[in-house]
């Protein structure tokens, strides 16, 4: 029997996820019911369909997770759920369910910021306290550089002024006629292309701050496709993917390392869906290493939306002595990572 476990629910967008971690922070199970196939026909997430499927999938997924972890309901000591940012209708499903479970079991409930989950995900299963460091979070909806002083003590140093990196990947993928989501498809094709075939802008790379802008890069890709005319051949598509990817990676790596140097941090964590991009992982480890900075990369399995990172964030907060959330706390689709 495994007592004092944390059960978490993540339903911020289109993935229904449940995870359970043990008293030592180790992952007992992490289950995700994906809706990618459902939404791919629309070229993006349809909020109504997402929330409807969360409602249908969540209960059986929780029951499956309990069995998979080999625990009893009596072993659950903490329940957590993502409260934002995300789609309001989706957040409500997970948040309401988690609160109901917490009340029925008489255990604490923790409201977790989705971005905090990503931020802490490179340290999943770590027993030692999360160290102070610089974090780069790169996902479909967010691109952030964060100064981490400790658990629940974060300062956002920079974010995107328009499109997030993942959003730019998906939109360019759509322009190229690639399957949804476009980011992973661009990454695959980029391995066959020349990253120097086309010149794309590196917006704000020398701005001196830690903000990002990928809208101009996306527009540049649109104008290139118009200039080429018609449907480009496979070689040209691969070259566009490689060149576009290199431009995004150049900016992400430069900003993250610049932040680590300015704040004299010898640790840099990288998380979020885009963090599983092989070129980004290769470049940031290599370039940061030259500056004496250790890079902590999230395991690709936990780079996209999952509940293990939400459970771990709740576990870390509880371990740090941070009080539970009020049951009256509400969801916040625009929740900020900074206080």
Protein backbone atom coordinates (compact mmCIF):
# COMPACT_ATOMS: atom_id res chain seq x y z
CA UNK A 1 0.00 0.00 0.00
CA UNK A 2 1.28 3.48 -0.89
CA UNK A 3 0.02 6.13 1.52
CA UNK A 4 0.17 9.92 1.30
CA UNK A 5 -0.04 10.18 -2.47
CA UNK A 6 -0.98 13.20 -4.58
CA UNK A 7 -3.63 12.90 -7.29
CA UNK A 8 -3.75 15.60 -9.97
CA UNK A 9 -5.99 16.49 -12.88
CA UNK A 10 -5.01 18.52 -15.94
CA UNK A 11 -7.70 19.73 -18.38
CA UNK A 12 -6.44 23.16 -19.43
CA UNK A 13 -6.91 22.59 -23.16
CA UNK A 14 -7.58 19.46 -25.19
CA UNK A 15 -5.77 16.74 -23.23
CA UNK A 16 -7.54 14.94 -20.41
CA UNK A 17 -4.82 13.92 -17.97
CA UNK A 18 -4.60 12.31 -14.53
CA UNK A 19 -1.47 11.47 -12.56
CA UNK A 20 -0.55 10.13 -9.15
CA UNK A 21 2.80 10.66 -7.43
CA UNK A 22 4.08 9.12 -4.24
CA UNK A 23 5.16 10.60 -0.95
CA UNK A 24 8.73 10.90 -2.26
CA UNK A 25 7.66 12.75 -5.42
CA UNK A 26 8.10 9.72 -7.65
CA UNK A 27 5.57 9.17 -10.43
CA UNK A 28 3.28 6.20 -9.78
CA UNK A 29 1.28 6.71 -12.97
CA UNK A 30 0.62 9.37 -15.59
CA UNK A 31 -2.33 8.89 -17.90
CA UNK A 32 -3.29 11.10 -20.86
CA UNK A 33 -6.31 10.80 -23.11
CA UNK A 34 -5.45 12.73 -26.25
CA UNK A 35 -7.94 14.62 -28.39
CA UNK A 36 -5.52 15.47 -31.23
CA UNK A 37 -7.29 13.23 -33.74
CA UNK A 38 -10.64 14.80 -32.86
CA UNK A 39 -9.46 18.39 -33.34
CA UNK A 40 -7.07 17.80 -36.26
CA UNK A 41 -9.94 17.85 -38.76
CA UNK A 42 -10.60 21.47 -37.72
CA UNK A 43 -6.96 22.54 -37.80
CA UNK A 44 -7.06 23.59 -34.14
CA UNK A 45 -8.75 23.08 -30.80
CA UNK A 46 -12.54 23.54 -30.66
CA UNK A 47 -13.34 24.53 -27.03
CA UNK A 48 -16.82 23.00 -26.97
CA UNK A 49 -15.56 19.64 -28.20
CA UNK A 50 -12.67 19.72 -25.75
CA UNK A 51 -14.82 20.31 -22.67
CA UNK A 52 -17.42 17.75 -23.80
CA UNK A 53 -14.75 15.07 -24.13
CA UNK A 54 -13.17 16.01 -20.79
CA UNK A 55 -16.55 15.36 -19.18
CA UNK A 56 -16.82 11.96 -20.83
CA UNK A 57 -13.21 10.83 -20.33
CA UNK A 58 -12.24 12.15 -16.91
CA UNK A 59 -14.04 9.74 -14.55
CA UNK A 60 -12.91 6.52 -16.27
CA UNK A 61 -9.39 7.93 -16.57
CA UNK A 62 -9.26 8.66 -12.83
CA UNK A 63 -10.48 5.14 -12.03
CA UNK A 64 -7.89 3.70 -14.42
CA UNK A 65 -5.12 5.77 -12.79
CA UNK A 66 -6.06 4.57 -9.30
CA UNK A 67 -5.84 0.94 -10.45
CA UNK A 68 -2.66 1.54 -12.43
CA UNK A 69 -0.93 3.15 -9.44
CA UNK A 70 -1.99 0.26 -7.22
CA UNK A 71 -3.45 2.47 -4.52
CA UNK A 72 -6.69 2.88 -2.61
CA UNK A 73 -8.72 6.06 -2.35
CA UNK A 74 -7.72 6.14 1.31
CA UNK A 75 -4.09 6.63 0.23
CA UNK A 76 -4.83 9.95 -1.47
CA UNK A 77 -3.61 12.75 0.81
CA UNK A 78 -3.72 15.67 -1.64
CA UNK A 79 -5.75 16.51 -4.74
CA UNK A 80 -4.65 19.12 -7.28
CA UNK A 81 -5.89 20.55 -10.53
CA UNK A 82 -4.86 23.09 -13.14
CA UNK A 83 -6.72 26.35 -12.57
CA UNK A 84 -5.25 28.35 -15.44
CA UNK A 85 -4.23 29.56 -17.87
CA UNK A 86 -6.28 27.72 -20.47
CA UNK A 87 -9.77 27.31 -21.89
CA UNK A 88 -12.37 28.27 -19.30
CA UNK A 89 -14.79 25.48 -20.18
CA UNK A 90 -12.01 22.88 -19.99
CA UNK A 91 -10.50 24.21 -16.76
CA UNK A 92 -13.89 24.05 -15.06
CA UNK A 93 -14.23 20.32 -15.69
CA UNK A 94 -10.96 19.38 -14.06
CA UNK A 95 -11.11 21.97 -11.29
CA UNK A 96 -14.64 21.09 -10.20
CA UNK A 97 -13.91 17.37 -10.26
CA UNK A 98 -10.74 17.77 -8.20
CA UNK A 99 -12.51 19.88 -5.57
CA UNK A 100 -15.31 17.34 -5.31
CA UNK A 101 -12.80 14.54 -4.74
CA UNK A 102 -10.93 16.62 -2.14
CA UNK A 103 -14.15 17.36 -0.24
CA UNK A 104 -15.31 13.74 -0.34
CA UNK A 105 -11.95 12.50 0.97
CA UNK A 106 -11.47 15.37 3.42
CA UNK A 107 -7.99 16.20 2.05
CA UNK A 108 -6.27 19.43 0.93
CA UNK A 109 -6.82 20.85 -2.54
CA UNK A 110 -4.12 22.69 -4.47
CA UNK A 111 -4.90 25.06 -7.34
CA UNK A 112 -1.95 24.90 -9.74
CA UNK A 113 -0.83 27.26 -12.48
CA UNK A 114 -0.33 25.29 -15.68
CA UNK A 115 2.87 27.21 -16.43
CA UNK A 116 4.26 26.38 -12.98
CA UNK A 117 3.70 22.75 -13.86
CA UNK A 118 5.77 23.16 -17.03
CA UNK A 119 8.41 25.18 -15.19
CA UNK A 120 8.96 22.47 -12.57
CA UNK A 121 8.64 19.52 -14.98
CA UNK A 122 12.41 19.20 -15.65
CA UNK A 123 12.75 18.35 -11.94
CA UNK A 124 9.99 15.72 -11.85
CA UNK A 125 10.78 13.02 -9.30
CA UNK A 126 13.64 15.03 -7.77
CA UNK A 127 13.79 14.71 -3.98
CA UNK A 128 16.09 17.69 -3.44
CA UNK A 129 14.57 21.20 -3.37
CA UNK A 130 14.21 22.86 -6.76
CA UNK A 131 17.25 25.15 -7.12
CA UNK A 132 17.19 28.81 -8.05
CA UNK A 133 17.68 29.05 -11.81
CA UNK A 134 16.55 30.52 -15.13
CA UNK A 135 13.67 28.74 -16.85
CA UNK A 136 12.71 28.80 -20.51
CA UNK A 137 9.12 27.69 -21.07
CA UNK A 138 8.19 27.16 -24.72
CA UNK A 139 4.72 25.88 -25.57
CA UNK A 140 1.91 26.38 -28.06
CA UNK A 141 0.50 29.36 -26.20
CA UNK A 142 3.43 30.71 -24.20
CA UNK A 143 7.09 31.62 -24.54
CA UNK A 144 8.56 32.75 -21.23
CA UNK A 145 11.91 33.40 -19.61
CA UNK A 146 11.54 33.13 -15.84
CA UNK A 147 13.79 33.81 -12.87
CA UNK A 148 13.13 31.03 -10.35
CA UNK A 149 14.08 31.91 -6.79
CA UNK A 150 12.35 28.85 -5.36
CA UNK A 151 9.04 27.02 -5.46
CA UNK A 152 6.18 29.52 -5.91
CA UNK A 153 8.69 32.39 -6.12
CA UNK A 154 8.91 33.34 -9.79
CA UNK A 155 9.64 36.49 -11.76
CA UNK A 156 8.76 36.57 -15.45
CA UNK A 157 11.66 38.33 -17.17
CA UNK A 158 10.20 38.21 -20.66
CA UNK A 159 7.38 36.80 -22.72
CA UNK A 160 6.10 36.92 -26.27
CA UNK A 161 4.61 40.15 -27.57
CA UNK A 162 2.51 38.29 -30.16
CA UNK A 163 2.66 34.67 -31.32
CA UNK A 164 4.27 32.09 -29.07
CA UNK A 165 6.95 29.92 -30.62
CA UNK A 166 4.72 26.84 -30.69
CA UNK A 167 1.89 28.85 -32.22
CA UNK A 168 4.23 30.10 -34.96
CA UNK A 169 5.33 26.52 -35.68
CA UNK A 170 1.72 25.36 -36.00
CA UNK A 171 0.66 28.28 -38.21
CA UNK A 172 3.59 27.86 -40.60
CA UNK A 173 2.88 24.13 -40.67
CA UNK A 174 -0.67 24.93 -41.72
CA UNK A 175 0.64 27.24 -44.48
CA UNK A 176 2.75 24.35 -45.76
CA UNK A 177 -0.24 22.00 -45.73
CA UNK A 178 1.20 19.81 -42.98
CA UNK A 179 -0.98 17.78 -40.60
CA UNK A 180 -2.05 19.35 -37.29
CA UNK A 181 -0.22 20.03 -35.05
CA UNK A 182 2.37 21.50 -37.38
CA UNK A 183 5.26 21.82 -34.92
CA UNK A 184 6.26 18.14 -34.76
CA UNK A 185 5.82 17.83 -38.54
CA UNK A 186 8.15 20.78 -39.19
CA UNK A 187 10.70 19.24 -36.84
CA UNK A 188 10.61 15.94 -38.75
CA UNK A 189 10.96 17.53 -42.18
CA UNK A 190 13.68 19.90 -40.98
CA UNK A 191 16.07 16.96 -40.57
CA UNK A 192 15.98 16.55 -44.36
CA UNK A 193 16.42 20.26 -45.18
CA UNK A 194 19.09 22.93 -45.30
CA UNK A 195 18.78 25.40 -42.38
CA UNK A 196 20.57 28.05 -44.45
CA UNK A 197 18.48 27.69 -47.61
CA UNK A 198 16.23 30.64 -46.76
CA UNK A 199 16.90 33.73 -44.67
CA UNK A 200 14.29 34.33 -41.99
CA UNK A 201 14.35 37.22 -39.48
CA UNK A 202 15.55 36.72 -35.93
CA UNK A 203 13.16 39.22 -34.38
CA UNK A 204 14.30 40.92 -31.14
CA UNK A 205 17.40 38.72 -30.84
CA UNK A 206 19.50 41.81 -30.06
CA UNK A 207 16.81 43.77 -28.19
CA UNK A 208 18.71 43.57 -24.90
CA UNK A 209 15.67 42.24 -23.05
CA UNK A 210 14.05 38.83 -22.77
CA UNK A 211 10.90 39.44 -24.81
CA UNK A 212 10.02 37.55 -27.97
CA UNK A 213 8.17 38.22 -31.21
CA UNK A 214 7.46 35.48 -33.74
CA UNK A 215 4.67 37.13 -35.73
CA UNK A 216 7.11 38.70 -38.20
CA UNK A 217 8.81 35.34 -38.71
CA UNK A 218 5.45 33.76 -39.50
CA UNK A 219 4.62 36.59 -41.94
CA UNK A 220 8.01 36.18 -43.60
CA UNK A 221 7.20 32.52 -44.24
CA UNK A 222 3.85 33.52 -45.76
CA UNK A 223 5.51 36.01 -48.15
CA UNK A 224 8.13 33.41 -49.11
CA UNK A 225 5.44 30.92 -50.06
CA UNK A 226 3.65 33.55 -52.13
CA UNK A 227 6.90 34.39 -53.90
CA UNK A 228 7.61 30.74 -54.67
CA UNK A 229 4.08 30.32 -56.07
CA UNK A 230 2.16 27.06 -56.33
CA UNK A 231 2.85 24.04 -54.19
CA UNK A 232 6.58 23.76 -53.41
CA UNK A 233 8.30 20.43 -53.98
CA UNK A 234 9.30 18.21 -51.05
CA UNK A 235 12.90 19.47 -51.07
CA UNK A 236 11.83 23.10 -50.88
CA UNK A 237 9.34 22.33 -48.08
CA UNK A 238 12.10 20.58 -46.11
CA UNK A 239 14.40 23.57 -46.63
CA UNK A 240 11.70 25.99 -45.46
CA UNK A 241 11.10 23.87 -42.36
CA UNK A 242 14.81 23.69 -41.54
CA UNK A 243 15.38 27.41 -42.10
CA UNK A 244 12.29 28.43 -40.14
CA UNK A 245 13.15 26.11 -37.26
CA UNK A 246 16.71 27.44 -37.11
CA UNK A 247 15.45 31.01 -36.84
CA UNK A 248 13.18 30.15 -33.92
CA UNK A 249 15.87 28.14 -32.16
CA UNK A 250 18.45 30.92 -32.60
CA UNK A 251 16.21 33.39 -30.77
CA UNK A 252 15.15 31.00 -27.99
CA UNK A 253 18.70 29.90 -27.25
CA UNK A 254 20.16 33.41 -27.37
CA UNK A 255 17.56 34.88 -24.99
CA UNK A 256 17.70 32.02 -22.49
CA UNK A 257 21.49 31.99 -22.23
CA UNK A 258 21.61 35.79 -22.03
CA UNK A 259 19.25 35.63 -19.04
CA UNK A 260 21.36 32.97 -17.35
CA UNK A 261 24.47 35.10 -17.78
CA UNK A 262 22.82 38.33 -16.60
CA UNK A 263 21.42 36.71 -13.46
CA UNK A 264 24.56 34.63 -12.93
CA UNK A 265 22.65 31.36 -12.94
CA UNK A 266 24.56 28.16 -13.58
CA UNK A 267 21.35 26.19 -14.17
CA UNK A 268 18.90 26.65 -17.05
CA UNK A 269 15.73 24.56 -17.33
CA UNK A 270 13.81 24.08 -20.57
CA UNK A 271 10.21 22.87 -20.68
CA UNK A 272 6.94 23.04 -22.60
CA UNK A 273 5.78 21.27 -25.74
CA UNK A 274 8.35 22.89 -28.03
CA UNK A 275 11.14 21.76 -25.70
CA UNK A 276 10.95 18.29 -27.25
CA UNK A 277 12.19 19.78 -30.55
CA UNK A 278 15.48 17.90 -31.17
CA UNK A 279 17.25 20.90 -32.68
CA UNK A 280 16.38 23.14 -29.74
CA UNK A 281 17.55 20.51 -27.26
CA UNK A 282 20.81 19.99 -29.13
CA UNK A 283 21.60 23.69 -29.55
CA UNK A 284 20.75 24.88 -26.06
CA UNK A 285 22.79 22.15 -24.37
CA UNK A 286 25.75 22.84 -26.64
CA UNK A 287 25.66 26.65 -26.45
CA UNK A 288 24.88 26.82 -22.73
CA UNK A 289 27.69 24.35 -22.03
CA UNK A 290 30.16 26.76 -23.61
CA UNK A 291 29.07 29.33 -21.02
CA UNK A 292 29.36 26.91 -18.10
CA UNK A 293 25.58 26.64 -17.70
CA UNK A 294 23.99 23.27 -16.92
CA UNK A 295 20.77 22.64 -18.85
CA UNK A 296 17.94 20.64 -17.28
CA UNK A 297 15.67 19.38 -20.05
CA UNK A 298 12.23 17.99 -19.34
CA UNK A 299 11.76 14.39 -20.42
CA UNK A 300 9.94 14.55 -23.79
CA UNK A 301 7.19 12.34 -22.31
CA UNK A 302 6.32 15.16 -19.91
CA UNK A 303 6.95 18.10 -22.24
CA UNK A 304 3.38 18.36 -23.52
CA UNK A 305 0.30 18.80 -21.31
CA UNK A 306 0.18 16.17 -18.58
CA UNK A 307 -0.96 15.83 -14.98
CA UNK A 308 2.34 14.52 -13.58
CA UNK A 309 3.77 18.03 -13.67
CA UNK A 310 0.65 19.36 -11.90
CA UNK A 311 0.95 16.69 -9.20
CA UNK A 312 4.63 17.47 -8.77
CA UNK A 313 3.94 21.21 -8.45
CA UNK A 314 1.40 20.50 -5.70
CA UNK A 315 3.82 18.11 -3.99
CA UNK A 316 6.62 20.70 -4.14
CA UNK A 317 4.36 23.44 -2.77
CA UNK A 318 3.20 21.26 0.10
CA UNK A 319 6.79 20.24 0.85
CA UNK A 320 7.81 23.91 0.88
CA UNK A 321 5.18 24.61 3.52
CA UNK A 322 2.83 26.50 1.22
CA UNK A 323 -0.75 26.27 2.41
CA UNK A 324 -3.47 24.56 0.42
CA UNK A 325 -5.82 26.53 -1.82
CA UNK A 326 -9.29 27.57 -0.78
CA UNK A 327 -12.12 25.54 -2.24
CA UNK A 328 -13.69 28.85 -3.20
CA UNK A 329 -10.73 29.63 -5.48
CA UNK A 330 -11.80 30.07 -9.08
CA UNK A 331 -10.26 29.18 -12.40
CA UNK A 332 -8.43 31.92 -14.29
CA UNK A 333 -8.06 31.44 -18.06
CA UNK A 334 -5.48 34.25 -18.10
CA UNK A 335 -3.58 33.28 -14.95
CA UNK A 336 -0.16 34.85 -14.65
CA UNK A 337 2.94 33.08 -13.36
CA UNK A 338 4.19 36.16 -11.51
CA UNK A 339 2.41 37.22 -8.29
